[in-house]
Amino acid sequence: MTDPRPTSAFHSANRDPAVTARLVTALDVQAANPGVRRLRAWAHDRLAARPGERALDVGAGTGSETQVLAAAVAPEGDAIGIEPHPGLRAVAEQRAAEAGSRARFLDGDALALPLPDGESDVVWCERVLQHLTDPARAVAEMARVLRPGGRIALLDTDWSTFVLHPTAPEIRPALATVVQGTAAQPDAGRSLAGRLVEAGLTVDHLGGDVLLHDSHAVARPIVRGLGAAAVGRGLITEEQRDRLYAGLDAAAEAGTFHLSVTMFAAVAHRPR
């Protein structure tokens, strides 16, 4: 998990290059997760961006999905990624150039998108709402820039579905508190349909997938971060933390370790 502290829109305040490098690494690891790949494919299939359309990716990150949209709307269409973090935006621009993609990237805020009303045929927004203090306003902005008949795909995590095994029953509530405290909207995933309906959109498809983590590839830093945060907040003792680490390390060696969280998706359209 990265550290998604809420700002007016995205977590964009820290522009340290070292932080940018960690964000890029985290996003690349997440993008390689089979569950993320399956859910993205599911959502793109139902969003069905077509040649000649105008596509918008809100919170583009490294620009991977902006490139997918650019390929779908080519050769006459246009795909724009909105990304307020300058370091991530630079990475997205560089990767698009290296791939020969026509994806473009703009600085912008999810709460005030730099586009006129009805500008976009399709909108993509992945794992952004969990970081926002006002997600309803962000979805309303996406609805504003969507043309009548246009489509939108929202994808986000529900942190209450986080599962870490094995853990002692007495420390599970503490770990849950830490996990849910890392996001401004920890239940963003379950709220997608409601956000879309509130913005006047019609929900067409709902989906989800479980993101299982490889204990050797990503779990160790996540587990260490959880344990340190729980001790720092006085939720567990150092002894409990050490027992947690030892038990999870043993489970990883035995092949019985489990770490997962569920991500959901909703695809909707703006009525004509």
C-alpha atoms as a PDB file:
ATOM      1  CA  MET A   1       0.000   0.000   0.000  1.00  0.00           C
ATOM      2  CA  THR A   2       1.170   3.521  -0.689  1.00  0.00           C
ATOM      3  CA  ASP A   3       0.329   6.346   1.704  1.00  0.00           C
ATOM      4  CA  PRO A   4      -2.822   7.913   0.235  1.00  0.00           C
ATOM      5  CA  ARG A   5      -3.405  10.814   2.599  1.00  0.00           C
ATOM      6  CA  PRO A   6      -6.314  12.951   1.360  1.00  0.00           C
ATOM      7  CA  THR A   7      -5.777  16.309  -0.317  1.00  0.00           C
ATOM      8  CA  SER A   8      -8.220  18.418  -2.304  1.00  0.00           C
ATOM      9  CA  ALA A   9      -8.032  15.711  -4.926  1.00  0.00           C
ATOM     10  CA  PHE A  10      -5.136  13.298  -5.413  1.00  0.00           C
ATOM     11  CA  HIS A  11      -2.232  12.630  -3.074  1.00  0.00           C
ATOM     12  CA  SER A  12       0.063  15.010  -4.926  1.00  0.00           C
ATOM     13  CA  ALA A  13       1.716  17.164  -2.281  1.00  0.00           C
ATOM     14  CA  ASN A  14       5.036  15.332  -1.994  1.00  0.00           C
ATOM     15  CA  ARG A  15       7.127  15.963  -5.109  1.00  0.00           C
ATOM     16  CA  ASP A  16      10.355  14.396  -3.845  1.00  0.00           C
ATOM     17  CA  PRO A  17      11.869  12.325  -6.717  1.00  0.00           C
ATOM     18  CA  ALA A  18      12.497   9.472  -4.290  1.00  0.00           C
ATOM     19  CA  VAL A  19       8.814   9.439  -3.385  1.00  0.00           C
ATOM     20  CA  THR A  20       7.913   9.493  -7.079  1.00  0.00           C
ATOM     21  CA  ALA A  21      10.132   6.470  -7.664  1.00  0.00           C
ATOM     22  CA  ARG A  22       8.386   4.570  -4.856  1.00  0.00           C
ATOM     23  CA  LEU A  23       4.973   5.513  -6.242  1.00  0.00           C
ATOM     24  CA  VAL A  24       5.946   4.306  -9.714  1.00  0.00           C
ATOM     25  CA  THR A  25       7.238   1.025  -8.292  1.00  0.00           C
ATOM     26  CA  ALA A  26       4.031   0.520  -6.302  1.00  0.00           C
ATOM     27  CA  LEU A  27       1.842   1.294  -9.319  1.00  0.00           C
ATOM     28  CA  ASP A  28       3.849  -1.062 -11.529  1.00  0.00           C
ATOM     29  CA  VAL A  29       3.557  -3.876  -8.979  1.00  0.00           C
ATOM     30  CA  GLN A  30      -0.183  -3.301  -8.710  1.00  0.00           C
ATOM     31  CA  ALA A  31      -0.555  -3.217 -12.500  1.00  0.00           C
ATOM     32  CA  ALA A  32       1.106  -6.634 -12.728  1.00  0.00           C
ATOM     33  CA  ASN A  33      -1.310  -8.193 -10.236  1.00  0.00           C
ATOM     34  CA  PRO A  34      -3.511 -10.763 -12.044  1.00  0.00           C
ATOM     35  CA  GLY A  35      -6.629  -9.505 -10.270  1.00  0.00           C
ATOM     36  CA  VAL A  36      -5.996  -5.924 -11.383  1.00  0.00           C
ATOM     37  CA  ARG A  37      -5.340  -7.074 -14.930  1.00  0.00           C
ATOM     38  CA  ARG A  38      -8.541  -9.121 -15.041  1.00  0.00           C
ATOM     39  CA  LEU A  39     -10.706  -6.317 -13.671  1.00  0.00           C
ATOM     40  CA  ARG A  40      -9.161  -3.735 -15.985  1.00  0.00           C
ATOM     41  CA  ALA A  41      -9.830  -5.990 -18.977  1.00  0.00           C
ATOM     42  CA  TRP A  42     -13.408  -6.544 -17.803  1.00  0.00           C
ATOM     43  CA  ALA A  43     -14.002  -2.795 -17.433  1.00  0.00           C
ATOM     44  CA  HIS A  44     -12.370  -1.840 -20.744  1.00  0.00           C
ATOM     45  CA  ASP A  45     -14.476  -4.451 -22.526  1.00  0.00           C
ATOM     46  CA  ARG A  46     -17.679  -2.937 -21.154  1.00  0.00           C
ATOM     47  CA  LEU A  47     -16.583   0.669 -21.505  1.00  0.00           C
ATOM     48  CA  ALA A  48     -15.966  -0.127 -25.185  1.00  0.00           C
ATOM     49  CA  ALA A  49     -14.020   2.938 -26.287  1.00  0.00           C
ATOM     50  CA  ARG A  50     -14.264   3.214 -30.081  1.00  0.00           C
ATOM     51  CA  PRO A  51     -12.228   4.793 -32.880  1.00  0.00           C
ATOM     52  CA  GLY A  52     -12.814   8.522 -33.154  1.00  0.00           C
ATOM     53  CA  GLU A  53     -14.016   9.007 -29.586  1.00  0.00           C
ATOM     54  CA  ARG A  54     -12.617  11.359 -26.959  1.00  0.00           C
ATOM     55  CA  ALA A  55     -11.398   9.525 -23.864  1.00  0.00           C
ATOM     56  CA  LEU A  56     -10.443  10.843 -20.436  1.00  0.00           C
ATOM     57  CA  ASP A  57      -8.416   9.052 -17.735  1.00  0.00           C
ATOM     58  CA  VAL A  58      -8.825  10.760 -14.356  1.00  0.00           C
ATOM     59  CA  GLY A  59      -5.842  10.091 -12.127  1.00  0.00           C
ATOM     60  CA  ALA A  60      -3.681   8.654 -14.889  1.00  0.00           C
ATOM     61  CA  GLY A  61      -0.678   7.728 -12.736  1.00  0.00           C
ATOM     62  CA  THR A  62       1.958   6.164 -14.997  1.00  0.00           C
ATOM     63  CA  GLY A  63      -0.430   6.446 -17.960  1.00  0.00           C
ATOM     64  CA  SER A  64      -0.892   2.747 -18.702  1.00  0.00           C
ATOM     65  CA  GLU A  65      -4.669   2.936 -19.041  1.00  0.00           C
ATOM     66  CA  THR A  66      -4.516   6.234 -20.917  1.00  0.00           C
ATOM     67  CA  GLN A  67      -2.430   4.382 -23.484  1.00  0.00           C
ATOM     68  CA  VAL A  68      -5.037   1.609 -23.655  1.00  0.00           C
ATOM     69  CA  LEU A  69      -7.724   4.207 -24.286  1.00  0.00           C
ATOM     70  CA  ALA A  70      -5.570   5.985 -26.892  1.00  0.00           C
ATOM     71  CA  ALA A  71      -5.145   2.754 -28.817  1.00  0.00           C
ATOM     72  CA  ALA A  72      -8.888   2.070 -28.681  1.00  0.00           C
ATOM     73  CA  VAL A  73      -9.885   5.501 -30.045  1.00  0.00           C
ATOM     74  CA  ALA A  74      -7.134   5.671 -32.692  1.00  0.00           C
ATOM     75  CA  PRO A  75      -6.549   6.906 -35.288  1.00  0.00           C
ATOM     76  CA  GLU A  76      -8.923   9.867 -35.174  1.00  0.00           C
ATOM     77  CA  GLY A  77      -9.764   9.917 -31.474  1.00  0.00           C
ATOM     78  CA  ASP A  78      -8.080  11.600 -28.532  1.00  0.00           C
ATOM     79  CA  ALA A  79      -7.098  10.267 -25.107  1.00  0.00           C
ATOM     80  CA  ILE A  80      -6.143  12.600 -22.249  1.00  0.00           C
ATOM     81  CA  GLY A  81      -4.810  11.570 -18.861  1.00  0.00           C
ATOM     82  CA  ILE A  82      -5.324  13.963 -15.947  1.00  0.00           C
ATOM     83  CA  GLU A  83      -2.536  13.625 -13.373  1.00  0.00           C
ATOM     84  CA  PRO A  84      -1.678  16.306 -10.774  1.00  0.00           C
ATOM     85  CA  HIS A  85       1.538  14.709  -9.529  1.00  0.00           C
ATOM     86  CA  PRO A  86       4.305  16.185 -11.744  1.00  0.00           C
ATOM     87  CA  GLY A  87       6.648  13.248 -11.249  1.00  0.00           C
ATOM     88  CA  LEU A  88       4.043  10.679 -12.256  1.00  0.00           C
ATOM     89  CA  ARG A  89       2.930  12.864 -15.149  1.00  0.00           C
ATOM     90  CA  ALA A  90       6.517  13.022 -16.442  1.00  0.00           C
ATOM     91  CA  VAL A  91       6.778   9.230 -16.250  1.00  0.00           C
ATOM     92  CA  ALA A  92       3.453   8.863 -18.089  1.00  0.00           C
ATOM     93  CA  GLU A  93       4.594  11.214 -20.849  1.00  0.00           C
ATOM     94  CA  GLN A  94       7.934   9.436 -21.227  1.00  0.00           C
ATOM     95  CA  ARG A  95       6.367   5.975 -21.351  1.00  0.00           C
ATOM     96  CA  ALA A  96       3.770   7.085 -23.893  1.00  0.00           C
ATOM     97  CA  ALA A  97       6.479   8.583 -26.103  1.00  0.00           C
ATOM     98  CA  GLU A  98       8.569   5.411 -25.883  1.00  0.00           C
ATOM     99  CA  ALA A  99       5.534   3.310 -26.822  1.00  0.00           C
ATOM    100  CA  GLY A 100       4.597   5.552 -29.731  1.00  0.00           C
ATOM    101  CA  SER A 101       1.245   6.255 -28.076  1.00  0.00           C
ATOM    102  CA  ARG A 102      -0.795   9.357 -28.869  1.00  0.00           C
ATOM    103  CA  ALA A 103      -1.934   9.604 -25.247  1.00  0.00           C
ATOM    104  CA  ARG A 104      -1.654  13.132 -23.845  1.00  0.00           C
ATOM    105  CA  PHE A 105      -1.341  14.205 -20.217  1.00  0.00           C
ATOM    106  CA  LEU A 106      -2.500  17.338 -18.416  1.00  0.00           C
ATOM    107  CA  ASP A 107      -2.146  18.725 -14.927  1.00  0.00           C
ATOM    108  CA  GLY A 108      -5.537  18.825 -13.264  1.00  0.00           C
ATOM    109  CA  ASP A 109      -7.706  18.214 -10.243  1.00  0.00           C
ATOM    110  CA  ALA A 110     -10.455  15.601 -10.035  1.00  0.00           C
ATOM    111  CA  LEU A 111     -12.607  18.156  -8.246  1.00  0.00           C
ATOM    112  CA  ALA A 112     -12.301  20.672 -11.103  1.00  0.00           C
ATOM    113  CA  LEU A 113     -11.500  18.906 -14.358  1.00  0.00           C
ATOM    114  CA  PRO A 114      -9.931  21.223 -16.983  1.00  0.00           C
ATOM    115  CA  LEU A 115     -12.467  20.308 -19.664  1.00  0.00           C
ATOM    116  CA  PRO A 116     -15.754  21.844 -20.865  1.00  0.00           C
ATOM    117  CA  ASP A 117     -19.165  20.238 -20.378  1.00  0.00           C
ATOM    118  CA  GLY A 118     -19.903  17.211 -22.564  1.00  0.00           C
ATOM    119  CA  GLU A 119     -16.337  16.980 -23.892  1.00  0.00           C
ATOM    120  CA  SER A 120     -15.731  13.250 -23.376  1.00  0.00           C
ATOM    121  CA  ASP A 121     -17.231  10.116 -24.869  1.00  0.00           C
ATOM    122  CA  VAL A 122     -15.631   7.809 -22.299  1.00  0.00           C
ATOM    123  CA  VAL A 123     -14.158   8.399 -18.831  1.00  0.00           C
ATOM    124  CA  TRP A 124     -11.918   6.042 -16.870  1.00  0.00           C
ATOM    125  CA  CYS A 125     -11.124   6.545 -13.176  1.00  0.00           C
ATOM    126  CA  GLU A 126      -9.202   3.881 -11.256  1.00  0.00           C
ATOM    127  CA  ARG A 127      -8.366   3.876  -7.535  1.00  0.00           C
ATOM    128  CA  VAL A 128      -8.766   7.621  -7.177  1.00  0.00           C
ATOM    129  CA  LEU A 129     -11.960   7.996  -5.144  1.00  0.00           C
ATOM    130  CA  GLN A 130     -10.429   6.265  -2.119  1.00  0.00           C
ATOM    131  CA  HIS A 131      -7.955   9.149  -1.847  1.00  0.00           C
ATOM    132  CA  LEU A 132     -10.470  12.000  -2.019  1.00  0.00           C
ATOM    133  CA  THR A 133     -12.109  13.955   0.761  1.00  0.00           C
ATOM    134  CA  ASP A 134     -15.058  14.742  -1.551  1.00  0.00           C
ATOM    135  CA  PRO A 135     -15.552  11.784  -3.928  1.00  0.00           C
ATOM    136  CA  ALA A 136     -19.138  12.791  -4.756  1.00  0.00           C
ATOM    137  CA  ARG A 137     -17.896  16.083  -6.187  1.00  0.00           C
ATOM    138  CA  ALA A 138     -15.288  14.261  -8.271  1.00  0.00           C
ATOM    139  CA  VAL A 139     -17.867  11.905  -9.792  1.00  0.00           C
ATOM    140  CA  ALA A 140     -20.144  14.875 -10.470  1.00  0.00           C
ATOM    141  CA  GLU A 141     -17.239  16.485 -12.354  1.00  0.00           C
ATOM    142  CA  MET A 142     -16.769  13.355 -14.433  1.00  0.00           C
ATOM    143  CA  ALA A 143     -20.494  13.318 -15.203  1.00  0.00           C
ATOM    144  CA  ARG A 144     -20.290  16.990 -16.204  1.00  0.00           C
ATOM    145  CA  VAL A 145     -17.619  16.409 -18.857  1.00  0.00           C
ATOM    146  CA  LEU A 146     -19.382  13.303 -20.214  1.00  0.00           C
ATOM    147  CA  ARG A 147     -21.547  13.767 -23.282  1.00  0.00           C
ATOM    148  CA  PRO A 148     -25.131  12.407 -23.299  1.00  0.00           C
ATOM    149  CA  GLY A 149     -24.813   8.699 -24.075  1.00  0.00           C
ATOM    150  CA  GLY A 150     -21.176   8.695 -22.983  1.00  0.00           C
ATOM    151  CA  ARG A 151     -19.778   5.945 -20.742  1.00  0.00           C
ATOM    152  CA  ILE A 152     -17.778   5.933 -17.541  1.00  0.00           C
ATOM    153  CA  ALA A 153     -15.841   3.235 -15.673  1.00  0.00           C
ATOM    154  CA  LEU A 154     -14.959   3.576 -11.988  1.00  0.00           C
ATOM    155  CA  LEU A 155     -12.624   1.070 -10.314  1.00  0.00           C
ATOM    156  CA  ASP A 156     -11.690   1.175  -6.655  1.00  0.00           C
ATOM    157  CA  THR A 157     -10.647  -0.825  -3.612  1.00  0.00           C
ATOM    158  CA  ASP A 158     -12.740  -1.719  -0.580  1.00  0.00           C
ATOM    159  CA  TRP A 159     -10.263  -1.842   2.301  1.00  0.00           C
ATOM    160  CA  SER A 160     -12.664  -3.581   4.687  1.00  0.00           C
ATOM    161  CA  THR A 161     -12.080  -6.692   2.552  1.00  0.00           C
ATOM    162  CA  PHE A 162      -8.373  -6.777   3.446  1.00  0.00           C
ATOM    163  CA  VAL A 163      -7.387 -10.265   4.649  1.00  0.00           C
ATOM    164  CA  LEU A 164      -4.033 -11.169   6.206  1.00  0.00           C
ATOM    165  CA  HIS A 165      -3.416 -14.749   7.397  1.00  0.00           C
ATOM    166  CA  PRO A 166      -2.251 -16.028   9.787  1.00  0.00           C
ATOM    167  CA  THR A 167      -2.883 -13.369  12.425  1.00  0.00           C
ATOM    168  CA  ALA A 168      -3.850 -13.728  16.076  1.00  0.00           C
ATOM    169  CA  PRO A 169      -7.551 -12.936  16.629  1.00  0.00           C
ATOM    170  CA  GLU A 170      -6.766 -10.353  19.299  1.00  0.00           C
ATOM    171  CA  ILE A 171      -4.753  -8.125  16.916  1.00  0.00           C
ATOM    172  CA  ARG A 172      -7.010  -8.361  13.860  1.00  0.00           C
ATOM    173  CA  PRO A 173      -9.108  -5.321  14.848  1.00  0.00           C
ATOM    174  CA  ALA A 174      -5.918  -3.268  15.268  1.00  0.00           C
ATOM    175  CA  LEU A 175      -4.648  -4.249  11.818  1.00  0.00           C
ATOM    176  CA  ALA A 176      -8.051  -3.478  10.288  1.00  0.00           C
ATOM    177  CA  THR A 177      -7.968  -0.034  11.893  1.00  0.00           C
ATOM    178  CA  VAL A 178      -4.541   0.661  10.399  1.00  0.00           C
ATOM    179  CA  VAL A 179      -5.510  -0.577   6.930  1.00  0.00           C
ATOM    180  CA  GLN A 180      -8.720   1.437   6.767  1.00  0.00           C
ATOM    181  CA  GLY A 181      -6.947   4.507   8.131  1.00  0.00           C
ATOM    182  CA  THR A 182      -4.652   4.715   5.100  1.00  0.00           C
ATOM    183  CA  ALA A 183      -7.451   5.952   2.822  1.00  0.00           C
ATOM    184  CA  ALA A 184      -9.766   8.937   2.988  1.00  0.00           C
ATOM    185  CA  GLN A 185     -12.581   6.686   1.717  1.00  0.00           C
ATOM    186  CA  PRO A 186     -11.719   3.102   2.755  1.00  0.00           C
ATOM    187  CA  ASP A 187     -15.085   1.792   1.507  1.00  0.00           C
ATOM    188  CA  ALA A 188     -14.768   3.440  -1.918  1.00  0.00           C
ATOM    189  CA  GLY A 189     -15.189   0.156  -3.781  1.00  0.00           C
ATOM    190  CA  ARG A 190     -18.629  -0.641  -2.408  1.00  0.00           C
ATOM    191  CA  SER A 191     -19.815   2.932  -3.045  1.00  0.00           C
ATOM    192  CA  LEU A 192     -19.193   3.106  -6.800  1.00  0.00           C
ATOM    193  CA  ALA A 193     -22.741   2.414  -7.957  1.00  0.00           C
ATOM    194  CA  GLY A 194     -24.154   4.852  -5.426  1.00  0.00           C
ATOM    195  CA  ARG A 195     -21.767   7.606  -6.511  1.00  0.00           C
ATOM    196  CA  LEU A 196     -22.737   7.136 -10.146  1.00  0.00           C
ATOM    197  CA  VAL A 197     -26.473   7.171  -9.435  1.00  0.00           C
ATOM    198  CA  GLU A 198     -26.100  10.296  -7.287  1.00  0.00           C
ATOM    199  CA  ALA A 199     -24.391  11.996 -10.242  1.00  0.00           C
ATOM    200  CA  GLY A 200     -27.386  11.255 -12.496  1.00  0.00           C
ATOM    201  CA  LEU A 201     -25.802   8.350 -14.372  1.00  0.00           C
ATOM    202  CA  THR A 202     -27.274   4.939 -15.179  1.00  0.00           C
ATOM    203  CA  VAL A 203     -25.310   1.923 -13.980  1.00  0.00           C
ATOM    204  CA  ASP A 204     -24.969  -0.805 -16.609  1.00  0.00           C
ATOM    205  CA  HIS A 205     -22.413  -3.241 -15.213  1.00  0.00           C
ATOM    206  CA  LEU A 206     -20.951  -4.149 -11.811  1.00  0.00           C
ATOM    207  CA  GLY A 207     -17.914  -6.357 -11.307  1.00  0.00           C
ATOM    208  CA  GLY A 208     -15.084  -7.164  -8.948  1.00  0.00           C
ATOM    209  CA  ASP A 209     -11.972  -9.239  -8.461  1.00  0.00           C
ATOM    210  CA  VAL A 210      -9.788 -10.375  -5.579  1.00  0.00           C
ATOM    211  CA  LEU A 211      -6.217  -9.092  -5.580  1.00  0.00           C
ATOM    212  CA  LEU A 212      -4.076 -11.881  -4.170  1.00  0.00           C
ATOM    213  CA  HIS A 213      -0.538 -10.812  -3.260  1.00  0.00           C
ATOM    214  CA  ASP A 214       2.571 -12.878  -3.780  1.00  0.00           C
ATOM    215  CA  SER A 215       4.217 -13.146  -0.367  1.00  0.00           C
ATOM    216  CA  HIS A 216       7.709 -12.914  -1.866  1.00  0.00           C
ATOM    217  CA  ALA A 217       7.020 -10.029  -4.267  1.00  0.00           C
ATOM    218  CA  VAL A 218       5.009  -7.508  -2.286  1.00  0.00           C
ATOM    219  CA  ALA A 219       3.762  -8.798   1.056  1.00  0.00           C
ATOM    220  CA  ARG A 220       6.847  -8.227   3.217  1.00  0.00           C
ATOM    221  CA  PRO A 221       6.896  -4.385   2.969  1.00  0.00           C
ATOM    222  CA  ILE A 222       3.121  -4.274   3.421  1.00  0.00           C
ATOM    223  CA  VAL A 223       3.276  -6.466   6.519  1.00  0.00           C
ATOM    224  CA  ARG A 224       6.181  -4.524   8.008  1.00  0.00           C
ATOM    225  CA  GLY A 225       4.383  -1.253   7.372  1.00  0.00           C
ATOM    226  CA  LEU A 226       1.202  -2.505   9.031  1.00  0.00           C
ATOM    227  CA  GLY A 227       3.062  -3.768  12.066  1.00  0.00           C
ATOM    228  CA  ALA A 228       5.061  -0.576  12.498  1.00  0.00           C
ATOM    229  CA  ALA A 229       1.961   1.592  12.162  1.00  0.00           C
ATOM    230  CA  ALA A 230      -0.011  -0.511  14.651  1.00  0.00           C
ATOM    231  CA  VAL A 231       2.792  -0.255  17.232  1.00  0.00           C
ATOM    232  CA  GLY A 232       3.242   3.459  16.544  1.00  0.00           C
ATOM    233  CA  ARG A 233      -0.427   4.099  17.240  1.00  0.00           C
ATOM    234  CA  GLY A 234      -0.361   2.030  20.419  1.00  0.00           C
ATOM    235  CA  LEU A 235      -2.771  -0.559  19.018  1.00  0.00           C
ATOM    236  CA  ILE A 236      -0.486  -3.551  19.551  1.00  0.00           C
ATOM    237  CA  THR A 237       2.692  -4.169  21.537  1.00  0.00           C
ATOM    238  CA  GLU A 238       6.141  -4.751  20.089  1.00  0.00           C
ATOM    239  CA  GLU A 239       5.912  -8.342  21.296  1.00  0.00           C
ATOM    240  CA  GLN A 240       2.647  -8.832  19.397  1.00  0.00           C
ATOM    241  CA  ARG A 241       4.224  -7.265  16.305  1.00  0.00           C
ATOM    242  CA  ASP A 242       7.210  -9.607  16.472  1.00  0.00           C
ATOM    243  CA  ARG A 243       4.932 -12.640  16.856  1.00  0.00           C
ATOM    244  CA  LEU A 244       2.940 -11.421  13.863  1.00  0.00           C
ATOM    245  CA  TYR A 245       6.086 -11.124  11.726  1.00  0.00           C
ATOM    246  CA  ALA A 246       7.388 -14.517  12.807  1.00  0.00           C
ATOM    247  CA  GLY A 247       4.091 -16.251  12.098  1.00  0.00           C
ATOM    248  CA  LEU A 248       3.718 -14.664   8.674  1.00  0.00           C
ATOM    249  CA  ASP A 249       7.332 -15.411   7.743  1.00  0.00           C
ATOM    250  CA  ALA A 250       6.822 -19.050   8.701  1.00  0.00           C
ATOM    251  CA  ALA A 251       3.596 -19.183   6.691  1.00  0.00           C
ATOM    252  CA  ALA A 252       5.354 -17.713   3.660  1.00  0.00           C
ATOM    253  CA  GLU A 253       8.038 -20.397   3.881  1.00  0.00           C
ATOM    254  CA  ALA A 254       5.391 -23.111   4.233  1.00  0.00           C
ATOM    255  CA  GLY A 255       3.249 -21.763   1.401  1.00  0.00           C
ATOM    256  CA  THR A 256       0.269 -21.042   3.667  1.00  0.00           C
ATOM    257  CA  PHE A 257       0.504 -17.227   3.710  1.00  0.00           C
ATOM    258  CA  HIS A 258      -2.515 -15.248   2.453  1.00  0.00           C
ATOM    259  CA  LEU A 259      -2.889 -11.519   1.742  1.00  0.00           C
ATOM    260  CA  SER A 260      -5.745 -10.172  -0.349  1.00  0.00           C
ATOM    261  CA  VAL A 261      -8.102  -7.264  -0.891  1.00  0.00           C
ATOM    262  CA  THR A 262     -11.091  -6.891  -3.215  1.00  0.00           C
ATOM    263  CA  MET A 263     -11.382  -4.253  -5.923  1.00  0.00           C
ATOM    264  CA  PHE A 264     -14.717  -3.401  -7.535  1.00  0.00           C
ATOM    265  CA  ALA A 265     -15.747  -1.791 -10.817  1.00  0.00           C
ATOM    266  CA  ALA A 266     -18.859  -0.077 -12.116  1.00  0.00           C
ATOM    267  CA  VAL A 267     -19.606   0.978 -15.694  1.00  0.00           C
ATOM    268  CA  ALA A 268     -22.384   3.471 -16.371  1.00  0.00           C
ATOM    269  CA  HIS A 269     -23.647   5.894 -18.999  1.00  0.00           C
ATOM    270  CA  ARG A 270     -25.085   9.395 -19.055  1.00  0.00           C
ATOM    271  CA  PRO A 271     -28.711   9.290 -20.227  1.00  0.00           C
ATOM    272  CA  ARG A 272     -29.451  11.112 -23.454  1.00  0.00           C
END
